[in-house]
């Protein structure tokens, strides 16, 4: 336990980090980490290593003369430059474990829904609005709780089953029988 007299722990520093090291060693620690040299090849970093004026020239050459809108942790914010040179570096990490699941759903949606025709995407938007975002309220109020399938409370067993199906759907085409089973879970028999 840290006391008022103890110094804070030094943040671990890493060099030559590859994806395997990041996923296998750094992320599982769930601790702050300094990844030295990770972006040293980026042009803006090379310019900043040369001089302040080289960094200024690099940024100025890319200035479009208007404010920048940036997406940060599920909300948009507006950034207005108030000085001749402004630089902001942001990163975010998802501390809450449940946040990884929605992001995975977004990534899957980008792969599975974005390539569809506009009319098909609109149909899926309506499905998501109805079942996921529940824009019209509970989508199955007429069903008793024990008959709602994956539209009701998710037991650990049902969560495990759904995860298994999702993993299978990402690794190989879904067999017709499995697809029917999922559809039955989505639209339980009345």
C-alpha atoms as a PDB file:
ATOM      1  CA  UNK A   1       0.000   0.000   0.000  1.00  0.00           C
ATOM      2  CA  UNK A   2       1.363   3.442  -0.933  1.00  0.00           C
ATOM      3  CA  UNK A   3       1.902   5.953   1.840  1.00  0.00           C
ATOM      4  CA  UNK A   4       2.319   9.719   1.759  1.00  0.00           C
ATOM      5  CA  UNK A   5       6.101   9.234   2.023  1.00  0.00           C
ATOM      6  CA  UNK A   6       6.427   6.722  -0.805  1.00  0.00           C
ATOM      7  CA  UNK A   7       7.227   7.769  -4.343  1.00  0.00           C
ATOM      8  CA  UNK A   8       4.851   6.767  -7.119  1.00  0.00           C
ATOM      9  CA  UNK A   9       5.813   3.655  -9.042  1.00  0.00           C
ATOM     10  CA  UNK A  10       7.813   4.314 -12.188  1.00  0.00           C
ATOM     11  CA  UNK A  11       5.874   3.769 -15.390  1.00  0.00           C
ATOM     12  CA  UNK A  12       7.223   0.825 -17.356  1.00  0.00           C
ATOM     13  CA  UNK A  13       9.070   1.773 -20.527  1.00  0.00           C
ATOM     14  CA  UNK A  14       9.124  -0.420 -23.625  1.00  0.00           C
ATOM     15  CA  UNK A  15      11.133  -0.245 -26.859  1.00  0.00           C
ATOM     16  CA  UNK A  16      10.717  -2.026 -30.188  1.00  0.00           C
ATOM     17  CA  UNK A  17       7.146  -2.975 -29.367  1.00  0.00           C
ATOM     18  CA  UNK A  18       5.438  -5.187 -31.922  1.00  0.00           C
ATOM     19  CA  UNK A  19       1.811  -6.271 -31.964  1.00  0.00           C
ATOM     20  CA  UNK A  20       2.604  -9.592 -30.249  1.00  0.00           C
ATOM     21  CA  UNK A  21       4.358  -7.823 -27.351  1.00  0.00           C
ATOM     22  CA  UNK A  22       1.594  -5.228 -27.087  1.00  0.00           C
ATOM     23  CA  UNK A  23      -1.172  -7.837 -26.939  1.00  0.00           C
ATOM     24  CA  UNK A  24       0.687 -10.521 -24.983  1.00  0.00           C
ATOM     25  CA  UNK A  25       2.662  -8.512 -22.433  1.00  0.00           C
ATOM     26  CA  UNK A  26       1.651  -4.856 -22.211  1.00  0.00           C
ATOM     27  CA  UNK A  27      -2.159  -4.881 -22.454  1.00  0.00           C
ATOM     28  CA  UNK A  28      -2.655  -7.791 -19.991  1.00  0.00           C
ATOM     29  CA  UNK A  29      -0.783  -5.806 -17.313  1.00  0.00           C
ATOM     30  CA  UNK A  30      -3.496  -3.113 -17.442  1.00  0.00           C
ATOM     31  CA  UNK A  31      -0.980  -0.493 -16.334  1.00  0.00           C
ATOM     32  CA  UNK A  32       0.283   2.736 -17.897  1.00  0.00           C
ATOM     33  CA  UNK A  33       3.168   2.141 -20.290  1.00  0.00           C
ATOM     34  CA  UNK A  34       5.574   4.340 -22.224  1.00  0.00           C
ATOM     35  CA  UNK A  35       6.176   2.922 -25.693  1.00  0.00           C
ATOM     36  CA  UNK A  36       9.455   4.569 -26.685  1.00  0.00           C
ATOM     37  CA  UNK A  37      10.212   4.931 -30.350  1.00  0.00           C
ATOM     38  CA  UNK A  38       6.835   3.577 -31.426  1.00  0.00           C
ATOM     39  CA  UNK A  39       6.080   6.541 -33.693  1.00  0.00           C
ATOM     40  CA  UNK A  40       9.577   7.876 -34.313  1.00  0.00           C
ATOM     41  CA  UNK A  41       9.128   7.190 -38.036  1.00  0.00           C
ATOM     42  CA  UNK A  42       6.059   9.468 -38.269  1.00  0.00           C
ATOM     43  CA  UNK A  43       6.852  12.587 -40.322  1.00  0.00           C
ATOM     44  CA  UNK A  44       5.578  14.933 -37.610  1.00  0.00           C
ATOM     45  CA  UNK A  45       7.811  13.258 -35.014  1.00  0.00           C
ATOM     46  CA  UNK A  46      10.831  13.453 -37.333  1.00  0.00           C
ATOM     47  CA  UNK A  47      10.109  17.153 -37.899  1.00  0.00           C
ATOM     48  CA  UNK A  48       9.850  17.808 -34.163  1.00  0.00           C
ATOM     49  CA  UNK A  49      13.222  16.088 -33.638  1.00  0.00           C
ATOM     50  CA  UNK A  50      14.837  18.504 -36.102  1.00  0.00           C
ATOM     51  CA  UNK A  51      13.701  21.764 -34.500  1.00  0.00           C
ATOM     52  CA  UNK A  52      10.734  23.749 -33.252  1.00  0.00           C
ATOM     53  CA  UNK A  53      10.607  25.619 -36.554  1.00  0.00           C
ATOM     54  CA  UNK A  54      10.604  22.330 -38.528  1.00  0.00           C
ATOM     55  CA  UNK A  55       7.645  21.145 -36.447  1.00  0.00           C
ATOM     56  CA  UNK A  56       5.891  24.484 -37.011  1.00  0.00           C
ATOM     57  CA  UNK A  57       6.525  24.255 -40.773  1.00  0.00           C
ATOM     58  CA  UNK A  58       5.203  20.683 -40.892  1.00  0.00           C
ATOM     59  CA  UNK A  59       1.991  21.605 -39.072  1.00  0.00           C
ATOM     60  CA  UNK A  60       1.544  24.919 -40.923  1.00  0.00           C
ATOM     61  CA  UNK A  61       1.810  23.153 -44.304  1.00  0.00           C
ATOM     62  CA  UNK A  62      -1.202  21.048 -43.341  1.00  0.00           C
ATOM     63  CA  UNK A  63      -3.292  23.844 -41.847  1.00  0.00           C
ATOM     64  CA  UNK A  64      -6.606  24.142 -43.645  1.00  0.00           C
ATOM     65  CA  UNK A  65      -7.475  27.321 -41.779  1.00  0.00           C
ATOM     66  CA  UNK A  66     -10.558  25.963 -40.082  1.00  0.00           C
ATOM     67  CA  UNK A  67     -11.428  24.321 -36.753  1.00  0.00           C
ATOM     68  CA  UNK A  68     -11.033  20.570 -36.444  1.00  0.00           C
ATOM     69  CA  UNK A  69     -13.797  18.227 -35.297  1.00  0.00           C
ATOM     70  CA  UNK A  70     -12.571  15.119 -33.533  1.00  0.00           C
ATOM     71  CA  UNK A  71     -14.339  12.030 -32.180  1.00  0.00           C
ATOM     72  CA  UNK A  72     -13.232  11.284 -28.629  1.00  0.00           C
ATOM     73  CA  UNK A  73     -14.691   8.542 -26.422  1.00  0.00           C
ATOM     74  CA  UNK A  74     -18.170   8.325 -27.867  1.00  0.00           C
ATOM     75  CA  UNK A  75     -18.850  12.059 -28.131  1.00  0.00           C
ATOM     76  CA  UNK A  76     -17.952  14.774 -30.579  1.00  0.00           C
ATOM     77  CA  UNK A  77     -16.260  17.909 -29.426  1.00  0.00           C
ATOM     78  CA  UNK A  78     -15.280  21.069 -31.167  1.00  0.00           C
ATOM     79  CA  UNK A  79     -11.682  22.287 -31.089  1.00  0.00           C
ATOM     80  CA  UNK A  80     -10.926  25.892 -31.985  1.00  0.00           C
ATOM     81  CA  UNK A  81      -7.341  27.023 -32.435  1.00  0.00           C
ATOM     82  CA  UNK A  82      -6.735  30.168 -30.369  1.00  0.00           C
ATOM     83  CA  UNK A  83      -3.005  30.604 -31.059  1.00  0.00           C
ATOM     84  CA  UNK A  84      -0.970  30.580 -34.290  1.00  0.00           C
ATOM     85  CA  UNK A  85       0.249  27.040 -33.511  1.00  0.00           C
ATOM     86  CA  UNK A  86      -1.880  24.573 -31.554  1.00  0.00           C
ATOM     87  CA  UNK A  87      -1.178  20.910 -31.073  1.00  0.00           C
ATOM     88  CA  UNK A  88      -3.254  18.474 -29.105  1.00  0.00           C
ATOM     89  CA  UNK A  89      -2.519  14.789 -28.738  1.00  0.00           C
ATOM     90  CA  UNK A  90      -5.283  12.665 -27.291  1.00  0.00           C
ATOM     91  CA  UNK A  91      -5.635   9.027 -26.578  1.00  0.00           C
ATOM     92  CA  UNK A  92      -8.298   7.083 -24.773  1.00  0.00           C
ATOM     93  CA  UNK A  93      -8.456   3.724 -23.266  1.00  0.00           C
ATOM     94  CA  UNK A  94     -11.495   1.804 -22.268  1.00  0.00           C
ATOM     95  CA  UNK A  95     -11.257   1.214 -18.542  1.00  0.00           C
ATOM     96  CA  UNK A  96     -14.640  -0.442 -18.231  1.00  0.00           C
ATOM     97  CA  UNK A  97     -14.555  -4.028 -19.540  1.00  0.00           C
ATOM     98  CA  UNK A  98     -18.033  -3.671 -21.010  1.00  0.00           C
ATOM     99  CA  UNK A  99     -16.766  -1.001 -23.400  1.00  0.00           C
ATOM    100  CA  UNK A 100     -14.858  -3.527 -25.496  1.00  0.00           C
ATOM    101  CA  UNK A 101     -18.095  -5.275 -26.437  1.00  0.00           C
ATOM    102  CA  UNK A 102     -19.823  -2.241 -28.028  1.00  0.00           C
ATOM    103  CA  UNK A 103     -16.670  -1.357 -29.922  1.00  0.00           C
ATOM    104  CA  UNK A 104     -16.471  -4.922 -31.250  1.00  0.00           C
ATOM    105  CA  UNK A 105     -20.112  -4.641 -32.333  1.00  0.00           C
ATOM    106  CA  UNK A 106     -19.285  -1.402 -34.151  1.00  0.00           C
ATOM    107  CA  UNK A 107     -16.295  -2.998 -35.876  1.00  0.00           C
ATOM    108  CA  UNK A 108     -18.390  -6.012 -36.865  1.00  0.00           C
ATOM    109  CA  UNK A 109     -21.123  -3.686 -38.132  1.00  0.00           C
ATOM    110  CA  UNK A 110     -18.604  -1.827 -40.263  1.00  0.00           C
ATOM    111  CA  UNK A 111     -17.565  -5.116 -41.858  1.00  0.00           C
ATOM    112  CA  UNK A 112     -21.003  -6.693 -42.139  1.00  0.00           C
ATOM    113  CA  UNK A 113     -23.384  -3.801 -42.785  1.00  0.00           C
ATOM    114  CA  UNK A 114     -21.438  -0.965 -44.414  1.00  0.00           C
ATOM    115  CA  UNK A 115     -20.840  -2.896 -47.685  1.00  0.00           C
ATOM    116  CA  UNK A 116     -24.586  -3.529 -48.140  1.00  0.00           C
ATOM    117  CA  UNK A 117     -26.744  -1.473 -50.470  1.00  0.00           C
ATOM    118  CA  UNK A 118     -28.339   1.677 -49.054  1.00  0.00           C
ATOM    119  CA  UNK A 119     -31.754  -0.013 -48.878  1.00  0.00           C
ATOM    120  CA  UNK A 120     -30.329  -3.017 -46.987  1.00  0.00           C
ATOM    121  CA  UNK A 121     -28.415  -0.745 -44.584  1.00  0.00           C
ATOM    122  CA  UNK A 122     -31.656   1.115 -43.894  1.00  0.00           C
ATOM    123  CA  UNK A 123     -33.403  -2.158 -43.046  1.00  0.00           C
ATOM    124  CA  UNK A 124     -30.604  -3.053 -40.628  1.00  0.00           C
ATOM    125  CA  UNK A 125     -30.709   0.446 -39.113  1.00  0.00           C
ATOM    126  CA  UNK A 126     -34.387  -0.107 -38.378  1.00  0.00           C
ATOM    127  CA  UNK A 127     -33.615  -3.527 -36.861  1.00  0.00           C
ATOM    128  CA  UNK A 128     -30.940  -2.006 -34.619  1.00  0.00           C
ATOM    129  CA  UNK A 129     -33.227   0.887 -33.667  1.00  0.00           C
ATOM    130  CA  UNK A 130     -35.986  -1.549 -32.731  1.00  0.00           C
ATOM    131  CA  UNK A 131     -34.048  -4.341 -30.994  1.00  0.00           C
ATOM    132  CA  UNK A 132     -30.780  -2.781 -29.803  1.00  0.00           C
ATOM    133  CA  UNK A 133     -31.559   0.886 -29.146  1.00  0.00           C
ATOM    134  CA  UNK A 134     -35.226   0.167 -28.435  1.00  0.00           C
ATOM    135  CA  UNK A 135     -36.307   3.536 -29.830  1.00  0.00           C
ATOM    136  CA  UNK A 136     -39.955   2.485 -29.581  1.00  0.00           C
ATOM    137  CA  UNK A 137     -39.602   0.894 -26.154  1.00  0.00           C
ATOM    138  CA  UNK A 138     -39.437  -2.774 -25.216  1.00  0.00           C
ATOM    139  CA  UNK A 139     -39.538  -4.744 -28.492  1.00  0.00           C
ATOM    140  CA  UNK A 140     -41.183  -7.788 -26.912  1.00  0.00           C
ATOM    141  CA  UNK A 141     -43.537  -6.585 -24.146  1.00  0.00           C
ATOM    142  CA  UNK A 142     -46.111  -9.179 -25.211  1.00  0.00           C
ATOM    143  CA  UNK A 143     -43.785 -12.086 -24.360  1.00  0.00           C
ATOM    144  CA  UNK A 144     -43.363 -13.473 -20.847  1.00  0.00           C
ATOM    145  CA  UNK A 145     -39.798 -13.054 -19.526  1.00  0.00           C
ATOM    146  CA  UNK A 146     -39.001 -16.770 -19.877  1.00  0.00           C
ATOM    147  CA  UNK A 147     -39.904 -16.694 -23.613  1.00  0.00           C
ATOM    148  CA  UNK A 148     -37.871 -13.674 -24.695  1.00  0.00           C
ATOM    149  CA  UNK A 149     -34.710 -15.547 -25.668  1.00  0.00           C
ATOM    150  CA  UNK A 150     -31.786 -13.189 -26.308  1.00  0.00           C
ATOM    151  CA  UNK A 151     -34.177 -10.236 -26.153  1.00  0.00           C
ATOM    152  CA  UNK A 152     -34.704 -10.814 -22.436  1.00  0.00           C
ATOM    153  CA  UNK A 153     -32.363 -11.160 -19.487  1.00  0.00           C
ATOM    154  CA  UNK A 154     -29.197 -12.891 -20.592  1.00  0.00           C
ATOM    155  CA  UNK A 155     -28.281 -15.777 -18.332  1.00  0.00           C
ATOM    156  CA  UNK A 156     -24.585 -16.735 -18.208  1.00  0.00           C
ATOM    157  CA  UNK A 157     -25.434 -19.800 -20.309  1.00  0.00           C
ATOM    158  CA  UNK A 158     -27.199 -17.733 -22.983  1.00  0.00           C
ATOM    159  CA  UNK A 159     -24.351 -15.200 -23.013  1.00  0.00           C
ATOM    160  CA  UNK A 160     -21.884 -18.043 -23.532  1.00  0.00           C
ATOM    161  CA  UNK A 161     -23.998 -19.469 -26.354  1.00  0.00           C
ATOM    162  CA  UNK A 162     -24.229 -16.086 -28.083  1.00  0.00           C
ATOM    163  CA  UNK A 163     -20.463 -15.501 -27.738  1.00  0.00           C
ATOM    164  CA  UNK A 164     -19.788 -18.925 -29.244  1.00  0.00           C
ATOM    165  CA  UNK A 165     -22.021 -18.115 -32.209  1.00  0.00           C
ATOM    166  CA  UNK A 166     -20.372 -14.723 -32.696  1.00  0.00           C
ATOM    167  CA  UNK A 167     -16.903 -16.260 -32.652  1.00  0.00           C
ATOM    168  CA  UNK A 168     -17.989 -18.844 -35.195  1.00  0.00           C
ATOM    169  CA  UNK A 169     -19.543 -16.164 -37.396  1.00  0.00           C
ATOM    170  CA  UNK A 170     -16.258 -14.242 -37.433  1.00  0.00           C
ATOM    171  CA  UNK A 171     -14.092 -17.243 -38.228  1.00  0.00           C
ATOM    172  CA  UNK A 172     -16.098 -19.100 -40.859  1.00  0.00           C
ATOM    173  CA  UNK A 173     -19.411 -18.930 -42.718  1.00  0.00           C
ATOM    174  CA  UNK A 174     -22.335 -19.729 -40.471  1.00  0.00           C
ATOM    175  CA  UNK A 175     -24.040 -23.074 -41.177  1.00  0.00           C
ATOM    176  CA  UNK A 176     -27.714 -22.760 -42.086  1.00  0.00           C
ATOM    177  CA  UNK A 177     -28.777 -24.786 -39.027  1.00  0.00           C
ATOM    178  CA  UNK A 178     -26.898 -22.411 -36.725  1.00  0.00           C
ATOM    179  CA  UNK A 179     -28.363 -19.374 -38.445  1.00  0.00           C
ATOM    180  CA  UNK A 180     -31.854 -20.790 -37.871  1.00  0.00           C
ATOM    181  CA  UNK A 181     -31.027 -21.392 -34.206  1.00  0.00           C
ATOM    182  CA  UNK A 182     -29.940 -17.770 -33.764  1.00  0.00           C
ATOM    183  CA  UNK A 183     -33.047 -16.529 -35.542  1.00  0.00           C
ATOM    184  CA  UNK A 184     -35.148 -18.594 -33.129  1.00  0.00           C
ATOM    185  CA  UNK A 185     -33.307 -16.932 -30.229  1.00  0.00           C
ATOM    186  CA  UNK A 186     -33.885 -13.518 -31.750  1.00  0.00           C
ATOM    187  CA  UNK A 187     -37.543 -14.137 -32.524  1.00  0.00           C
ATOM    188  CA  UNK A 188     -38.723 -16.646 -29.915  1.00  0.00           C
ATOM    189  CA  UNK A 189     -41.886 -18.647 -30.511  1.00  0.00           C
ATOM    190  CA  UNK A 190     -44.925 -17.112 -28.855  1.00  0.00           C
END
